Amino acid sequence: MNQDIDKKFVIVTIDVHCEWLSHSPEYRVFVNGEMFADRTFRWDKNTYLQEVMCLEASAGIYTVNVECLGKPVLNFSAENLQIEKGKARKLSDTEFEVH
């Protein structure tokens, strides 16, 4: 059977929050180790960014990791993972399962 037939289209979002002192930090977003975004905060310190990940995914459990790079930060978090489209369910703020 063709594996592409078994893949589902899923859209997942996660909110990235960061507080810093001087220069805005950079971060990367990964899903199961594959990089989806490489970004720099360019907005106000009180603003969060919502990352949108579009996947063609086989059934299974997926983990979203957001890594802050380089510059010192006061607070950094990624939370509020949401399934926006597709046959998937949220397991935690960093994990989801595709059916």
N, C-alpha and C. Protein backbone atom coordinates (compact mmCIF):
# COMPACT_ATOMS: atom_id res chain seq x y z
N MET A 1 0.84 -1.18 0.00
CA MET A 1 0.00 0.00 0.00
C MET A 1 0.89 1.24 0.00
N ASN A 2 0.50 2.23 -0.74
CA ASN A 2 1.25 3.49 -0.82
C ASN A 2 1.13 4.25 0.49
N GLN A 3 2.28 4.59 1.09
CA GLN A 3 2.27 5.29 2.38
C GLN A 3 1.67 6.68 2.28
N ASP A 4 1.77 7.35 1.12
CA ASP A 4 1.20 8.69 0.96
C ASP A 4 -0.32 8.68 1.10
N ILE A 5 -0.95 7.56 0.74
CA ILE A 5 -2.41 7.45 0.86
C ILE A 5 -2.82 7.48 2.34
N ASP A 6 -1.99 6.92 3.20
CA ASP A 6 -2.31 6.85 4.62
C ASP A 6 -2.04 8.16 5.37
N LYS A 7 -1.42 9.14 4.74
CA LYS A 7 -1.10 10.39 5.42
C LYS A 7 -2.31 11.31 5.46
N LYS A 8 -2.42 12.05 6.54
CA LYS A 8 -3.51 12.99 6.75
C LYS A 8 -2.97 14.41 6.77
N PHE A 9 -3.75 15.35 6.26
CA PHE A 9 -3.37 16.76 6.34
C PHE A 9 -3.86 17.31 7.67
N VAL A 10 -2.94 17.89 8.43
CA VAL A 10 -3.24 18.41 9.77
C VAL A 10 -2.64 19.80 9.90
N ILE A 11 -3.39 20.71 10.51
CA ILE A 11 -2.86 22.03 10.86
C ILE A 11 -2.87 22.15 12.37
N VAL A 12 -1.70 22.44 12.94
CA VAL A 12 -1.51 22.56 14.39
C VAL A 12 -0.93 23.94 14.67
N THR A 13 -1.40 24.57 15.75
CA THR A 13 -0.83 25.85 16.17
C THR A 13 -0.29 25.73 17.59
N ILE A 14 0.67 26.59 17.91
CA ILE A 14 1.20 26.68 19.27
C ILE A 14 1.59 28.14 19.51
N ASP A 15 1.34 28.63 20.72
CA ASP A 15 1.65 30.01 21.08
C ASP A 15 3.03 30.08 21.70
N VAL A 16 3.88 30.97 21.18
CA VAL A 16 5.24 31.15 21.68
C VAL A 16 5.32 32.50 22.40
N HIS A 17 5.69 32.46 23.68
CA HIS A 17 5.81 33.67 24.50
C HIS A 17 7.28 33.86 24.87
N CYS A 18 7.72 35.13 24.95
CA CYS A 18 9.09 35.39 25.34
C CYS A 18 9.20 36.78 25.96
N GLU A 19 9.97 36.89 27.03
CA GLU A 19 10.33 38.17 27.64
C GLU A 19 11.84 38.27 27.63
N TRP A 20 12.37 39.44 27.22
CA TRP A 20 13.80 39.62 27.14
C TRP A 20 14.18 41.02 27.57
N LEU A 21 15.47 41.23 27.78
CA LEU A 21 15.95 42.52 28.26
C LEU A 21 16.41 43.45 27.14
N SER A 22 17.29 42.99 26.27
CA SER A 22 17.87 43.91 25.29
C SER A 22 17.51 43.54 23.85
N HIS A 23 18.19 42.56 23.26
CA HIS A 23 17.95 42.18 21.87
C HIS A 23 16.94 41.05 21.79
N SER A 24 16.04 41.17 20.82
CA SER A 24 15.02 40.14 20.68
C SER A 24 15.66 38.80 20.30
N PRO A 25 15.20 37.73 20.93
CA PRO A 25 15.81 36.41 20.73
C PRO A 25 15.30 35.72 19.47
N GLU A 26 15.99 34.66 19.11
CA GLU A 26 15.60 33.79 18.01
C GLU A 26 15.10 32.47 18.59
N TYR A 27 14.27 31.80 17.82
CA TYR A 27 13.82 30.48 18.25
C TYR A 27 13.56 29.60 17.04
N ARG A 28 13.50 28.30 17.28
CA ARG A 28 13.21 27.32 16.24
C ARG A 28 12.08 26.41 16.71
N VAL A 29 11.26 26.00 15.76
CA VAL A 29 10.14 25.10 16.03
C VAL A 29 10.41 23.78 15.32
N PHE A 30 10.30 22.68 16.07
CA PHE A 30 10.51 21.34 15.53
C PHE A 30 9.28 20.48 15.78
N VAL A 31 8.97 19.59 14.85
CA VAL A 31 7.96 18.56 15.05
C VAL A 31 8.66 17.23 14.82
N ASN A 32 8.72 16.42 15.88
CA ASN A 32 9.44 15.14 15.85
C ASN A 32 10.85 15.30 15.27
N GLY A 33 11.53 16.36 15.68
CA GLY A 33 12.91 16.57 15.27
C GLY A 33 13.10 17.26 13.93
N GLU A 34 12.04 17.45 13.16
CA GLU A 34 12.14 18.14 11.87
C GLU A 34 11.85 19.63 12.06
N MET A 35 12.77 20.50 11.61
CA MET A 35 12.58 21.93 11.81
C MET A 35 11.49 22.47 10.90
N PHE A 36 10.54 23.21 11.52
CA PHE A 36 9.44 23.83 10.80
C PHE A 36 9.59 25.33 10.69
N ALA A 37 10.32 25.96 11.62
CA ALA A 37 10.46 27.42 11.59
C ALA A 37 11.75 27.83 12.28
N ASP A 38 12.32 28.92 11.79
CA ASP A 38 13.51 29.55 12.37
C ASP A 38 13.19 31.04 12.39
N ARG A 39 12.90 31.58 13.57
CA ARG A 39 12.34 32.93 13.66
C ARG A 39 13.11 33.82 14.63
N THR A 40 12.88 35.11 14.48
CA THR A 40 13.37 36.12 15.41
C THR A 40 12.16 36.93 15.89
N PHE A 41 12.06 37.15 17.20
CA PHE A 41 11.02 38.02 17.73
C PHE A 41 11.30 39.43 17.23
N ARG A 42 10.33 40.07 16.61
CA ARG A 42 10.49 41.45 16.14
C ARG A 42 9.34 42.32 16.61
N TRP A 43 8.59 41.81 17.55
CA TRP A 43 7.43 42.51 18.04
C TRP A 43 7.65 42.93 19.48
N ASP A 44 6.67 43.60 20.03
CA ASP A 44 6.72 44.04 21.42
C ASP A 44 6.93 42.85 22.36
N LYS A 45 7.59 43.11 23.46
CA LYS A 45 7.89 42.04 24.43
C LYS A 45 6.64 41.41 25.04
N ASN A 46 5.54 42.10 25.01
CA ASN A 46 4.31 41.57 25.61
C ASN A 46 3.44 40.83 24.59
N THR A 47 3.96 40.63 23.41
CA THR A 47 3.22 39.95 22.35
C THR A 47 3.65 38.50 22.26
N TYR A 48 2.70 37.62 22.01
CA TYR A 48 3.07 36.23 21.74
C TYR A 48 2.90 35.99 20.25
N LEU A 49 3.61 35.01 19.73
CA LEU A 49 3.51 34.64 18.33
C LEU A 49 2.82 33.29 18.23
N GLN A 50 1.94 33.15 17.30
CA GLN A 50 1.30 31.86 17.09
C GLN A 50 1.94 31.20 15.87
N GLU A 51 2.59 30.08 16.11
CA GLU A 51 3.19 29.31 15.03
C GLU A 51 2.13 28.37 14.45
N VAL A 52 2.11 28.29 13.12
CA VAL A 52 1.18 27.41 12.41
C VAL A 52 2.01 26.36 11.67
N MET A 53 1.71 25.11 11.94
CA MET A 53 2.44 24.01 11.29
C MET A 53 1.46 23.19 10.46
N CYS A 54 1.71 23.10 9.17
CA CYS A 54 0.90 22.30 8.25
C CYS A 54 1.67 21.01 7.97
N LEU A 55 1.03 19.88 8.23
CA LEU A 55 1.71 18.59 8.10
C LEU A 55 0.93 17.63 7.23
N GLU A 56 1.63 16.83 6.46
CA GLU A 56 1.09 15.63 5.84
C GLU A 56 1.66 14.51 6.69
N ALA A 57 0.84 13.94 7.59
CA ALA A 57 1.38 13.06 8.62
C ALA A 57 0.68 11.70 8.63
N SER A 58 1.47 10.69 8.87
CA SER A 58 0.93 9.34 9.09
C SER A 58 0.37 9.27 10.50
N ALA A 59 -0.45 8.26 10.76
CA ALA A 59 -0.99 8.07 12.10
C ALA A 59 0.15 7.90 13.09
N GLY A 60 0.00 8.51 14.26
CA GLY A 60 1.02 8.40 15.29
C GLY A 60 1.05 9.60 16.20
N ILE A 61 1.97 9.58 17.15
CA ILE A 61 2.12 10.65 18.12
C ILE A 61 3.27 11.56 17.68
N TYR A 62 3.02 12.86 17.76
CA TYR A 62 3.99 13.87 17.34
C TYR A 62 4.26 14.83 18.50
N THR A 63 5.53 15.24 18.61
CA THR A 63 5.95 16.16 19.66
C THR A 63 6.45 17.45 19.03
N VAL A 64 5.95 18.58 19.55
CA VAL A 64 6.39 19.90 19.10
C VAL A 64 7.38 20.43 20.13
N ASN A 65 8.58 20.80 19.67
CA ASN A 65 9.59 21.42 20.53
C ASN A 65 9.89 22.81 20.00
N VAL A 66 9.94 23.78 20.90
CA VAL A 66 10.32 25.14 20.54
C VAL A 66 11.56 25.47 21.36
N GLU A 67 12.66 25.79 20.68
CA GLU A 67 13.93 26.05 21.34
C GLU A 67 14.32 27.51 21.18
N CYS A 68 14.64 28.15 22.28
CA CYS A 68 15.14 29.52 22.27
C CYS A 68 16.64 29.47 22.00
N LEU A 69 17.11 30.34 21.13
CA LEU A 69 18.52 30.33 20.71
C LEU A 69 19.26 31.57 21.20
N GLY A 70 20.45 31.36 21.68
CA GLY A 70 21.42 32.43 21.88
C GLY A 70 21.16 33.44 22.97
N LYS A 71 20.46 34.49 22.66
CA LYS A 71 20.38 35.65 23.54
C LYS A 71 19.69 35.34 24.87
N PRO A 72 20.13 35.98 25.95
CA PRO A 72 19.50 35.72 27.25
C PRO A 72 18.06 36.23 27.29
N VAL A 73 17.20 35.41 27.88
CA VAL A 73 15.79 35.77 28.02
C VAL A 73 15.37 35.63 29.48
N LEU A 74 14.32 36.35 29.84
CA LEU A 74 13.78 36.26 31.20
C LEU A 74 12.80 35.10 31.32
N ASN A 75 12.00 34.92 30.27
CA ASN A 75 10.98 33.89 30.30
C ASN A 75 10.73 33.44 28.87
N PHE A 76 10.58 32.15 28.67
CA PHE A 76 10.31 31.61 27.33
C PHE A 76 9.40 30.41 27.48
N SER A 77 8.33 30.36 26.71
CA SER A 77 7.43 29.20 26.78
C SER A 77 6.71 29.00 25.46
N ALA A 78 6.30 27.78 25.25
CA ALA A 78 5.45 27.42 24.11
C ALA A 78 4.30 26.61 24.69
N GLU A 79 3.09 27.08 24.46
CA GLU A 79 1.93 26.44 25.07
C GLU A 79 0.69 26.63 24.22
N ASN A 80 -0.41 26.09 24.68
CA ASN A 80 -1.70 26.22 24.03
C ASN A 80 -1.71 25.59 22.64
N LEU A 81 -1.15 24.40 22.51
CA LEU A 81 -1.20 23.66 21.25
C LEU A 81 -2.66 23.41 20.90
N GLN A 82 -3.01 23.66 19.65
CA GLN A 82 -4.38 23.46 19.19
C GLN A 82 -4.37 22.75 17.84
N ILE A 83 -5.34 21.88 17.63
CA ILE A 83 -5.54 21.24 16.33
C ILE A 83 -6.55 22.10 15.59
N GLU A 84 -6.12 22.73 14.52
CA GLU A 84 -6.99 23.64 13.76
C GLU A 84 -7.73 22.91 12.65
N LYS A 85 -7.10 21.86 12.11
CA LYS A 85 -7.73 21.12 11.01
C LYS A 85 -7.15 19.71 10.97
N GLY A 86 -7.98 18.76 10.63
CA GLY A 86 -7.50 17.40 10.42
C GLY A 86 -7.92 16.43 11.49
N LYS A 87 -7.67 15.16 11.23
CA LYS A 87 -8.03 14.09 12.16
C LYS A 87 -6.88 13.86 13.12
N ALA A 88 -6.90 14.66 14.17
CA ALA A 88 -5.86 14.58 15.20
C ALA A 88 -6.48 15.03 16.51
N ARG A 89 -5.79 14.69 17.60
CA ARG A 89 -6.26 15.15 18.92
C ARG A 89 -5.07 15.59 19.74
N LYS A 90 -5.31 16.59 20.55
CA LYS A 90 -4.28 17.14 21.43
C LYS A 90 -4.07 16.18 22.60
N LEU A 91 -2.81 15.88 22.90
CA LEU A 91 -2.48 15.05 24.06
C LEU A 91 -1.96 15.90 25.22
N SER A 92 -1.23 16.97 24.89
CA SER A 92 -0.69 17.89 25.90
C SER A 92 -0.35 19.20 25.20
N ASP A 93 0.31 20.11 25.91
CA ASP A 93 0.72 21.37 25.29
C ASP A 93 1.84 21.20 24.29
N THR A 94 2.41 20.01 24.19
CA THR A 94 3.50 19.78 23.23
C THR A 94 3.30 18.53 22.38
N GLU A 95 2.24 17.76 22.61
CA GLU A 95 2.04 16.52 21.86
C GLU A 95 0.64 16.43 21.27
N PHE A 96 0.57 15.80 20.09
CA PHE A 96 -0.72 15.51 19.48
C PHE A 96 -0.64 14.17 18.76
N GLU A 97 -1.80 13.59 18.52
CA GLU A 97 -1.86 12.30 17.86
C GLU A 97 -2.68 12.42 16.59
N VAL A 98 -2.13 11.94 15.49
CA VAL A 98 -2.84 11.90 14.21
C VAL A 98 -3.52 10.53 14.12
N HIS A 99 -4.79 10.52 13.73
CA HIS A 99 -5.57 9.27 13.62
C HIS A 99 -5.45 8.69 12.24
